[in-house]
Amino acid sequence: MVTQQYTRRSVFSSILSFVAVASITVAAWAEEKVKFLDRGFFSRLLGQCATAEPKDSGCWSYSGGRVVIEVARAPELSAKNAAIRLEGRGLPNRMLVVHCDDGQYRAVRNECTHAGRRLDPVPGTRTVQCCSIGKSTFDYDGRVLYGPASRPTKWYPAKQENGRIVISVS
């Protein structure tokens, strides 16, 4: 009977090799399944997000843990897969509001959990993607689908009522 002696180093090396192969396999699978925004290298390097703030800055307000958006004053949200980003004015965190392809509005904390860069919606999918080189991509449940992010994103409840979008931030 032949016995083989394992050292901690050889076991650790074997585990690292397995993890590396598994990571590459998962990344290749994810890259086939995830749609990427068509962004230039320097735009991603500089972390320039494609989603603009609303032209009418008075279309939204924040008070008492709620964001209220007057839809008629935010024409950027009229098309499906369109979005606006909300920042400042007492809002505890940046927010991305997306008019989804199902007609609903959804709101996410506009911060990649990898390095804090802004997110952009990916048209024709139910995902948002980091504007940086890493392209961390999250589904509408917050799960990481691709990229270096290791934690999910925070989505906020949003509902439509009387021509407004009301988002609970608490």
N, C-alpha and C. Protein backbone atom coordinates (compact mmCIF):
# COMPACT_ATOMS: atom_id res chain seq x y z
N MET A 1 0.85 -1.17 0.00
CA MET A 1 0.00 0.00 0.00
C MET A 1 0.90 1.24 0.00
N VAL A 2 0.57 2.15 -0.90
CA VAL A 2 1.35 3.38 -1.01
C VAL A 2 0.60 4.47 -0.27
N THR A 3 1.28 5.14 0.58
CA THR A 3 0.66 6.26 1.29
C THR A 3 1.31 7.54 0.82
N GLN A 4 0.52 8.58 0.82
CA GLN A 4 1.04 9.86 0.40
C GLN A 4 0.89 10.82 1.57
N GLN A 5 1.95 11.52 1.83
CA GLN A 5 1.91 12.47 2.93
C GLN A 5 1.58 13.85 2.37
N TYR A 6 0.59 14.47 2.98
CA TYR A 6 0.18 15.80 2.54
C TYR A 6 0.70 16.84 3.51
N THR A 7 1.22 17.89 2.98
CA THR A 7 1.64 19.00 3.82
C THR A 7 0.56 20.07 3.74
N ARG A 8 0.59 20.94 4.68
CA ARG A 8 -0.39 22.04 4.66
C ARG A 8 -0.24 22.84 3.36
N ARG A 9 0.98 23.04 2.96
CA ARG A 9 1.22 23.81 1.74
C ARG A 9 0.62 23.12 0.52
N SER A 10 0.78 21.80 0.39
CA SER A 10 0.25 21.11 -0.79
C SER A 10 -1.28 21.10 -0.77
N VAL A 11 -1.88 20.95 0.39
CA VAL A 11 -3.35 20.98 0.51
C VAL A 11 -3.85 22.38 0.15
N PHE A 12 -3.20 23.39 0.70
CA PHE A 12 -3.60 24.77 0.43
C PHE A 12 -3.45 25.09 -1.06
N SER A 13 -2.37 24.64 -1.65
CA SER A 13 -2.12 24.86 -3.08
C SER A 13 -3.20 24.18 -3.93
N SER A 14 -3.58 22.99 -3.56
CA SER A 14 -4.63 22.27 -4.29
C SER A 14 -5.97 22.99 -4.19
N ILE A 15 -6.28 23.49 -3.01
CA ILE A 15 -7.53 24.23 -2.81
C ILE A 15 -7.53 25.50 -3.64
N LEU A 16 -6.41 26.22 -3.64
CA LEU A 16 -6.32 27.45 -4.44
C LEU A 16 -6.47 27.15 -5.92
N SER A 17 -5.88 26.09 -6.40
CA SER A 17 -6.00 25.72 -7.81
C SER A 17 -7.46 25.42 -8.16
N PHE A 18 -8.14 24.68 -7.29
CA PHE A 18 -9.54 24.36 -7.51
C PHE A 18 -10.39 25.63 -7.55
N VAL A 19 -10.18 26.53 -6.58
CA VAL A 19 -10.94 27.77 -6.51
C VAL A 19 -10.69 28.62 -7.76
N ALA A 20 -9.45 28.69 -8.21
CA ALA A 20 -9.12 29.48 -9.40
C ALA A 20 -9.84 28.92 -10.63
N VAL A 21 -9.82 27.61 -10.81
CA VAL A 21 -10.49 26.99 -11.96
C VAL A 21 -12.00 27.21 -11.85
N ALA A 22 -12.56 27.05 -10.66
CA ALA A 22 -13.99 27.25 -10.47
C ALA A 22 -14.37 28.70 -10.75
N SER A 23 -13.57 29.64 -10.30
CA SER A 23 -13.84 31.06 -10.52
C SER A 23 -13.82 31.40 -12.00
N ILE A 24 -12.85 30.88 -12.71
CA ILE A 24 -12.74 31.15 -14.15
C ILE A 24 -13.95 30.55 -14.87
N THR A 25 -14.36 29.35 -14.47
CA THR A 25 -15.51 28.70 -15.08
C THR A 25 -16.78 29.50 -14.84
N VAL A 26 -16.99 29.95 -13.61
CA VAL A 26 -18.17 30.74 -13.27
C VAL A 26 -18.14 32.07 -14.01
N ALA A 27 -16.99 32.72 -14.07
CA ALA A 27 -16.87 34.00 -14.77
C ALA A 27 -17.19 33.82 -16.26
N ALA A 28 -16.71 32.76 -16.87
CA ALA A 28 -16.99 32.51 -18.28
C ALA A 28 -18.47 32.26 -18.49
N TRP A 29 -19.09 31.48 -17.61
CA TRP A 29 -20.53 31.24 -17.70
C TRP A 29 -21.30 32.54 -17.54
N ALA A 30 -20.94 33.34 -16.55
CA ALA A 30 -21.64 34.59 -16.28
C ALA A 30 -21.50 35.55 -17.45
N GLU A 31 -20.32 35.59 -18.05
CA GLU A 31 -20.09 36.51 -19.16
C GLU A 31 -20.98 36.15 -20.34
N GLU A 32 -21.27 34.86 -20.52
CA GLU A 32 -22.17 34.45 -21.58
C GLU A 32 -23.61 34.86 -21.27
N LYS A 33 -23.99 34.89 -20.00
CA LYS A 33 -25.36 35.15 -19.58
C LYS A 33 -25.66 36.62 -19.31
N VAL A 34 -24.65 37.43 -19.03
CA VAL A 34 -24.84 38.81 -18.64
C VAL A 34 -24.61 39.72 -19.84
N LYS A 35 -25.53 40.65 -20.04
CA LYS A 35 -25.38 41.64 -21.11
C LYS A 35 -24.63 42.84 -20.54
N PHE A 36 -23.64 43.31 -21.27
CA PHE A 36 -22.85 44.45 -20.81
C PHE A 36 -23.26 45.71 -21.55
N LEU A 37 -23.26 46.82 -20.84
CA LEU A 37 -23.50 48.11 -21.45
C LEU A 37 -22.34 48.44 -22.37
N ASP A 38 -22.64 49.05 -23.48
CA ASP A 38 -21.60 49.42 -24.45
C ASP A 38 -20.98 50.73 -23.98
N ARG A 39 -19.92 50.62 -23.22
CA ARG A 39 -19.24 51.79 -22.65
C ARG A 39 -17.78 51.75 -23.05
N GLY A 40 -17.20 52.90 -23.26
CA GLY A 40 -15.80 52.98 -23.60
C GLY A 40 -14.90 52.68 -22.41
N PHE A 41 -13.69 52.27 -22.71
CA PHE A 41 -12.72 51.92 -21.67
C PHE A 41 -12.50 53.07 -20.70
N PHE A 42 -12.29 54.28 -21.23
CA PHE A 42 -11.99 55.41 -20.35
C PHE A 42 -13.21 55.84 -19.54
N SER A 43 -14.40 55.70 -20.10
CA SER A 43 -15.62 55.98 -19.33
C SER A 43 -15.70 55.06 -18.13
N ARG A 44 -15.39 53.78 -18.36
CA ARG A 44 -15.42 52.82 -17.25
C ARG A 44 -14.27 53.08 -16.27
N LEU A 45 -13.10 53.36 -16.79
CA LEU A 45 -11.94 53.62 -15.94
C LEU A 45 -12.21 54.81 -15.01
N LEU A 46 -12.84 55.84 -15.55
CA LEU A 46 -13.15 57.03 -14.76
C LEU A 46 -14.45 56.91 -13.97
N GLY A 47 -15.17 55.82 -14.18
CA GLY A 47 -16.41 55.60 -13.44
C GLY A 47 -17.52 56.57 -13.81
N GLN A 48 -17.59 56.93 -15.08
CA GLN A 48 -18.63 57.87 -15.52
C GLN A 48 -19.92 57.11 -15.79
N CYS A 49 -20.95 57.45 -15.04
CA CYS A 49 -22.21 56.75 -15.22
C CYS A 49 -22.99 57.36 -16.38
N ALA A 50 -23.81 56.54 -17.03
CA ALA A 50 -24.57 56.97 -18.21
C ALA A 50 -25.92 57.58 -17.82
N THR A 51 -26.39 57.31 -16.63
CA THR A 51 -27.70 57.79 -16.21
C THR A 51 -27.59 59.20 -15.65
N ALA A 52 -28.43 60.08 -16.15
CA ALA A 52 -28.38 61.49 -15.74
C ALA A 52 -29.35 61.76 -14.58
N GLU A 53 -29.10 62.87 -13.92
CA GLU A 53 -30.06 63.37 -12.95
C GLU A 53 -31.23 63.96 -13.74
N PRO A 54 -32.41 64.07 -13.15
CA PRO A 54 -33.55 64.63 -13.90
C PRO A 54 -33.28 66.09 -14.28
N LYS A 55 -33.76 66.48 -15.46
CA LYS A 55 -33.58 67.86 -15.91
C LYS A 55 -34.31 68.83 -14.99
N ASP A 56 -35.49 68.44 -14.54
CA ASP A 56 -36.26 69.25 -13.59
C ASP A 56 -35.93 68.78 -12.18
N SER A 57 -35.01 69.46 -11.54
CA SER A 57 -34.57 69.01 -10.20
C SER A 57 -35.68 69.11 -9.17
N GLY A 58 -36.74 69.85 -9.49
CA GLY A 58 -37.87 69.96 -8.56
C GLY A 58 -38.89 68.85 -8.71
N CYS A 59 -38.61 67.86 -9.55
CA CYS A 59 -39.57 66.77 -9.76
C CYS A 59 -39.60 65.79 -8.61
N TRP A 60 -38.64 65.90 -7.68
CA TRP A 60 -38.61 64.95 -6.57
C TRP A 60 -38.31 65.67 -5.26
N SER A 61 -38.75 65.00 -4.19
CA SER A 61 -38.48 65.52 -2.85
C SER A 61 -38.21 64.34 -1.92
N TYR A 62 -37.54 64.64 -0.83
CA TYR A 62 -37.27 63.63 0.18
C TYR A 62 -37.67 64.18 1.54
N SER A 63 -38.48 63.42 2.25
CA SER A 63 -38.91 63.83 3.58
C SER A 63 -39.46 62.61 4.32
N GLY A 64 -39.15 62.53 5.58
CA GLY A 64 -39.72 61.47 6.43
C GLY A 64 -39.46 60.06 5.94
N GLY A 65 -38.28 59.83 5.37
CA GLY A 65 -37.94 58.48 4.92
C GLY A 65 -38.59 58.08 3.61
N ARG A 66 -39.15 59.06 2.88
CA ARG A 66 -39.80 58.77 1.59
C ARG A 66 -39.32 59.73 0.50
N VAL A 67 -39.10 59.15 -0.66
CA VAL A 67 -38.82 59.94 -1.85
C VAL A 67 -40.11 59.97 -2.66
N VAL A 68 -40.51 61.16 -3.09
CA VAL A 68 -41.70 61.29 -3.93
C VAL A 68 -41.28 61.95 -5.24
N ILE A 69 -41.60 61.27 -6.35
CA ILE A 69 -41.27 61.79 -7.68
C ILE A 69 -42.58 62.09 -8.40
N GLU A 70 -42.71 63.31 -8.90
CA GLU A 70 -43.86 63.69 -9.73
C GLU A 70 -43.56 63.20 -11.14
N VAL A 71 -44.25 62.15 -11.59
CA VAL A 71 -43.95 61.52 -12.88
C VAL A 71 -44.08 62.52 -14.03
N ALA A 72 -45.07 63.40 -14.00
CA ALA A 72 -45.28 64.36 -15.10
C ALA A 72 -44.09 65.32 -15.23
N ARG A 73 -43.36 65.52 -14.15
CA ARG A 73 -42.21 66.43 -14.18
C ARG A 73 -40.89 65.70 -14.42
N ALA A 74 -40.97 64.39 -14.62
CA ALA A 74 -39.77 63.58 -14.88
C ALA A 74 -39.94 62.82 -16.19
N PRO A 75 -39.94 63.54 -17.33
CA PRO A 75 -40.16 62.86 -18.62
C PRO A 75 -39.08 61.82 -18.94
N GLU A 76 -37.94 61.90 -18.27
CA GLU A 76 -36.88 60.90 -18.49
C GLU A 76 -37.37 59.50 -18.13
N LEU A 77 -38.38 59.40 -17.28
CA LEU A 77 -38.90 58.10 -16.85
C LEU A 77 -40.08 57.62 -17.69
N SER A 78 -40.44 58.35 -18.75
CA SER A 78 -41.63 57.97 -19.52
C SER A 78 -41.42 56.70 -20.33
N ALA A 79 -40.22 56.46 -20.84
CA ALA A 79 -39.96 55.26 -21.62
C ALA A 79 -39.56 54.10 -20.71
N LYS A 80 -39.95 52.90 -21.13
CA LYS A 80 -39.51 51.72 -20.37
C LYS A 80 -38.00 51.56 -20.51
N ASN A 81 -37.39 51.04 -19.47
CA ASN A 81 -35.93 50.86 -19.36
C ASN A 81 -35.19 52.18 -19.20
N ALA A 82 -35.93 53.25 -18.95
CA ALA A 82 -35.31 54.55 -18.69
C ALA A 82 -35.04 54.68 -17.19
N ALA A 83 -34.19 55.63 -16.84
CA ALA A 83 -33.84 55.80 -15.43
C ALA A 83 -33.39 57.22 -15.15
N ILE A 84 -33.45 57.58 -13.88
CA ILE A 84 -32.85 58.83 -13.40
C ILE A 84 -32.10 58.51 -12.12
N ARG A 85 -31.13 59.36 -11.82
CA ARG A 85 -30.43 59.20 -10.55
C ARG A 85 -30.75 60.40 -9.67
N LEU A 86 -30.94 60.12 -8.41
CA LEU A 86 -31.25 61.15 -7.42
C LEU A 86 -30.11 61.22 -6.43
N GLU A 87 -29.66 62.45 -6.14
CA GLU A 87 -28.53 62.63 -5.23
C GLU A 87 -28.70 63.92 -4.44
N GLY A 88 -28.18 63.93 -3.24
CA GLY A 88 -28.16 65.15 -2.43
C GLY A 88 -29.51 65.49 -1.83
N ARG A 89 -29.68 66.77 -1.46
CA ARG A 89 -30.91 67.30 -0.90
C ARG A 89 -31.45 66.49 0.28
N GLY A 90 -30.53 66.05 1.15
CA GLY A 90 -30.93 65.34 2.35
C GLY A 90 -31.14 63.85 2.18
N LEU A 91 -31.08 63.37 0.95
CA LEU A 91 -31.23 61.93 0.69
C LEU A 91 -30.06 61.20 1.33
N PRO A 92 -30.34 60.18 2.16
CA PRO A 92 -29.23 59.51 2.87
C PRO A 92 -28.24 58.80 1.96
N ASN A 93 -28.68 58.32 0.80
CA ASN A 93 -27.81 57.63 -0.15
C ASN A 93 -28.25 57.98 -1.57
N ARG A 94 -27.31 57.91 -2.50
CA ARG A 94 -27.67 58.09 -3.90
C ARG A 94 -28.69 57.02 -4.29
N MET A 95 -29.59 57.36 -5.23
CA MET A 95 -30.63 56.43 -5.63
C MET A 95 -30.76 56.42 -7.15
N LEU A 96 -31.00 55.24 -7.70
CA LEU A 96 -31.29 55.07 -9.11
C LEU A 96 -32.73 54.59 -9.21
N VAL A 97 -33.55 55.30 -9.99
CA VAL A 97 -34.95 54.93 -10.18
C VAL A 97 -35.11 54.48 -11.63
N VAL A 98 -35.62 53.25 -11.82
CA VAL A 98 -35.71 52.63 -13.13
C VAL A 98 -37.17 52.38 -13.48
N HIS A 99 -37.58 52.75 -14.70
CA HIS A 99 -38.89 52.39 -15.24
C HIS A 99 -38.69 51.07 -15.96
N CYS A 100 -39.10 50.00 -15.35
CA CYS A 100 -38.80 48.65 -15.83
C CYS A 100 -39.67 48.26 -17.02
N ASP A 101 -39.24 47.21 -17.71
CA ASP A 101 -39.97 46.77 -18.89
C ASP A 101 -41.35 46.20 -18.56
N ASP A 102 -41.61 45.90 -17.30
CA ASP A 102 -42.94 45.43 -16.89
C ASP A 102 -43.86 46.60 -16.52
N GLY A 103 -43.37 47.84 -16.70
CA GLY A 103 -44.18 49.02 -16.41
C GLY A 103 -44.05 49.52 -14.98
N GLN A 104 -43.43 48.73 -14.13
CA GLN A 104 -43.25 49.13 -12.74
C GLN A 104 -42.00 50.00 -12.59
N TYR A 105 -41.94 50.70 -11.48
CA TYR A 105 -40.75 51.49 -11.15
C TYR A 105 -40.05 50.79 -10.00
N ARG A 106 -38.73 50.78 -10.07
CA ARG A 106 -37.93 50.20 -9.01
C ARG A 106 -36.83 51.18 -8.64
N ALA A 107 -36.41 51.12 -7.39
CA ALA A 107 -35.38 52.04 -6.91
C ALA A 107 -34.31 51.23 -6.18
N VAL A 108 -33.06 51.59 -6.45
CA VAL A 108 -31.92 50.89 -5.86
C VAL A 108 -30.95 51.92 -5.29
N ARG A 109 -30.29 51.55 -4.24
CA ARG A 109 -29.20 52.39 -3.73
C ARG A 109 -28.15 52.46 -4.84
N ASN A 110 -27.85 53.64 -5.30
CA ASN A 110 -27.00 53.81 -6.47
C ASN A 110 -25.52 53.77 -6.08
N GLU A 111 -25.11 52.59 -5.65
CA GLU A 111 -23.74 52.40 -5.19
C GLU A 111 -23.35 50.94 -5.32
N CYS A 112 -22.37 50.67 -6.17
CA CYS A 112 -21.88 49.31 -6.31
C CYS A 112 -21.28 48.87 -4.98
N THR A 113 -21.57 47.65 -4.60
CA THR A 113 -21.06 47.15 -3.32
C THR A 113 -19.58 46.77 -3.39
N HIS A 114 -18.99 46.83 -4.56
CA HIS A 114 -17.56 46.55 -4.69
C HIS A 114 -16.73 47.78 -4.35
N ALA A 115 -16.97 48.89 -5.05
CA ALA A 115 -16.12 50.06 -4.83
C ALA A 115 -16.91 51.37 -4.74
N GLY A 116 -18.22 51.28 -4.66
CA GLY A 116 -19.04 52.47 -4.44
C GLY A 116 -19.36 53.31 -5.66
N ARG A 117 -19.03 52.83 -6.85
CA ARG A 117 -19.35 53.59 -8.06
C ARG A 117 -20.85 53.52 -8.34
N ARG A 118 -21.31 54.39 -9.23
CA ARG A 118 -22.73 54.43 -9.57
C ARG A 118 -23.12 53.26 -10.47
N LEU A 119 -24.44 53.00 -10.50
CA LEU A 119 -25.00 51.92 -11.31
C LEU A 119 -25.81 52.51 -12.47
N ASP A 120 -25.94 51.73 -13.54
CA ASP A 120 -26.77 52.08 -14.68
C ASP A 120 -27.65 50.88 -15.01
N PRO A 121 -28.90 51.13 -15.46
CA PRO A 121 -29.73 50.00 -15.89
C PRO A 121 -29.23 49.45 -17.22
N VAL A 122 -29.41 48.15 -17.42
CA VAL A 122 -29.03 47.51 -18.68
C VAL A 122 -30.34 47.24 -19.43
N PRO A 123 -30.60 47.99 -20.52
CA PRO A 123 -31.86 47.84 -21.25
C PRO A 123 -32.10 46.41 -21.72
N GLY A 124 -33.37 45.99 -21.65
CA GLY A 124 -33.74 44.66 -22.11
C GLY A 124 -33.42 43.55 -21.13
N THR A 125 -32.94 43.91 -19.96
CA THR A 125 -32.65 42.91 -18.93
C THR A 125 -33.28 43.40 -17.63
N ARG A 126 -33.23 42.61 -16.64
CA ARG A 126 -33.70 43.02 -15.32
C ARG A 126 -32.48 43.18 -14.42
N THR A 127 -31.52 43.98 -14.93
CA THR A 127 -30.26 44.15 -14.21
C THR A 127 -29.81 45.60 -14.21
N VAL A 128 -28.94 45.90 -13.25
CA VAL A 128 -28.20 47.15 -13.22
C VAL A 128 -26.72 46.79 -13.17
N GLN A 129 -25.89 47.70 -13.68
CA GLN A 129 -24.47 47.38 -13.81
C GLN A 129 -23.61 48.55 -13.34
N CYS A 130 -22.54 48.21 -12.66
CA CYS A 130 -21.59 49.22 -12.22
C CYS A 130 -20.95 49.88 -13.42
N CYS A 131 -20.72 51.18 -13.31
CA CYS A 131 -20.15 51.93 -14.44
C CYS A 131 -18.63 51.78 -14.52
N SER A 132 -18.02 51.01 -13.64
CA SER A 132 -16.56 50.89 -13.64
C SER A 132 -16.07 49.71 -14.49
N ILE A 133 -14.78 49.54 -14.50
CA ILE A 133 -14.13 48.47 -15.27
C ILE A 133 -14.61 47.08 -14.86
N GLY A 134 -14.90 46.88 -13.57
CA GLY A 134 -15.29 45.56 -13.07
C GLY A 134 -16.64 45.08 -13.57
N LYS A 135 -17.52 46.00 -13.98
CA LYS A 135 -18.84 45.68 -14.54
C LYS A 135 -19.69 44.81 -13.61
N SER A 136 -19.56 44.98 -12.31
CA SER A 136 -20.41 44.20 -11.41
C SER A 136 -21.85 44.40 -11.83
N THR A 137 -22.57 43.30 -11.95
CA THR A 137 -23.95 43.33 -12.43
C THR A 137 -24.84 42.68 -11.40
N PHE A 138 -25.99 43.33 -11.13
CA PHE A 138 -26.93 42.88 -10.11
C PHE A 138 -28.32 42.72 -10.72
N ASP A 139 -29.05 41.70 -10.28
CA ASP A 139 -30.43 41.57 -10.75
C ASP A 139 -31.35 42.42 -9.88
N TYR A 140 -32.63 42.44 -10.21
CA TYR A 140 -33.58 43.29 -9.50
C TYR A 140 -33.89 42.79 -8.08
N ASP A 141 -33.36 41.63 -7.72
CA ASP A 141 -33.46 41.18 -6.34
C ASP A 141 -32.20 41.55 -5.56
N GLY A 142 -31.24 42.20 -6.24
CA GLY A 142 -30.02 42.65 -5.59
C GLY A 142 -28.86 41.70 -5.69
N ARG A 143 -29.10 40.48 -6.17
CA ARG A 143 -28.04 39.47 -6.24
C ARG A 143 -26.95 39.85 -7.23
N VAL A 144 -25.73 39.52 -6.88
CA VAL A 144 -24.58 39.73 -7.77
C VAL A 144 -24.62 38.64 -8.84
N LEU A 145 -24.63 39.06 -10.11
CA LEU A 145 -24.60 38.11 -11.21
C LEU A 145 -23.23 38.01 -11.86
N TYR A 146 -22.47 39.09 -11.74
CA TYR A 146 -21.17 39.13 -12.41
C TYR A 146 -20.31 40.19 -11.75
N GLY A 147 -19.01 40.00 -11.80
CA GLY A 147 -18.05 41.02 -11.38
C GLY A 147 -17.50 40.83 -9.98
N PRO A 148 -16.69 41.78 -9.55
CA PRO A 148 -15.98 41.65 -8.28
C PRO A 148 -16.82 41.94 -7.03
N ALA A 149 -18.02 42.49 -7.18
CA ALA A 149 -18.85 42.76 -6.00
C ALA A 149 -19.17 41.45 -5.29
N SER A 150 -19.15 41.50 -3.97
CA SER A 150 -19.42 40.27 -3.21
C SER A 150 -20.71 40.37 -2.38
N ARG A 151 -21.29 41.57 -2.32
CA ARG A 151 -22.52 41.75 -1.55
C ARG A 151 -23.64 42.24 -2.46
N PRO A 152 -24.88 41.94 -2.11
CA PRO A 152 -26.01 42.39 -2.93
C PRO A 152 -26.24 43.89 -2.81
N THR A 153 -27.00 44.43 -3.75
CA THR A 153 -27.39 45.84 -3.69
C THR A 153 -28.66 45.96 -2.85
N LYS A 154 -28.93 47.17 -2.41
CA LYS A 154 -30.13 47.46 -1.61
C LYS A 154 -31.20 48.05 -2.52
N TRP A 155 -32.33 47.36 -2.63
CA TRP A 155 -33.47 47.85 -3.39
C TRP A 155 -34.52 48.36 -2.42
N TYR A 156 -35.20 49.42 -2.81
CA TYR A 156 -36.22 50.04 -1.96
C TYR A 156 -37.60 49.80 -2.54
N PRO A 157 -38.60 49.64 -1.66
CA PRO A 157 -39.97 49.48 -2.15
C PRO A 157 -40.44 50.76 -2.84
N ALA A 158 -41.03 50.62 -4.03
CA ALA A 158 -41.55 51.76 -4.78
C ALA A 158 -42.96 51.43 -5.23
N LYS A 159 -43.85 52.42 -5.13
CA LYS A 159 -45.22 52.21 -5.61
C LYS A 159 -45.68 53.46 -6.34
N GLN A 160 -46.63 53.26 -7.23
CA GLN A 160 -47.20 54.36 -8.00
C GLN A 160 -48.54 54.74 -7.38
N GLU A 161 -48.73 56.03 -7.18
CA GLU A 161 -50.02 56.49 -6.68
C GLU A 161 -50.27 57.93 -7.10
N ASN A 162 -51.40 58.16 -7.75
CA ASN A 162 -51.82 59.50 -8.16
C ASN A 162 -50.76 60.27 -8.93
N GLY A 163 -50.16 59.65 -9.93
CA GLY A 163 -49.19 60.34 -10.76
C GLY A 163 -47.83 60.55 -10.10
N ARG A 164 -47.61 59.84 -9.01
CA ARG A 164 -46.33 59.96 -8.30
C ARG A 164 -45.72 58.58 -8.08
N ILE A 165 -44.43 58.56 -7.92
CA ILE A 165 -43.72 57.36 -7.49
C ILE A 165 -43.30 57.63 -6.05
N VAL A 166 -43.69 56.74 -5.15
CA VAL A 166 -43.35 56.91 -3.74
C VAL A 166 -42.41 55.77 -3.35
N ILE A 167 -41.25 56.14 -2.85
CA ILE A 167 -40.21 55.16 -2.51
C ILE A 167 -39.91 55.27 -1.02
N SER A 168 -40.00 54.14 -0.33
CA SER A 168 -39.67 54.10 1.11
C SER A 168 -38.18 53.83 1.26
N VAL A 169 -37.49 54.76 1.92
CA VAL A 169 -36.04 54.66 2.05
C VAL A 169 -35.62 54.09 3.40
N SER A 170 -36.53 53.96 4.30
CA SER A 170 -36.17 53.50 5.66
C SER A 170 -35.75 52.05 5.72
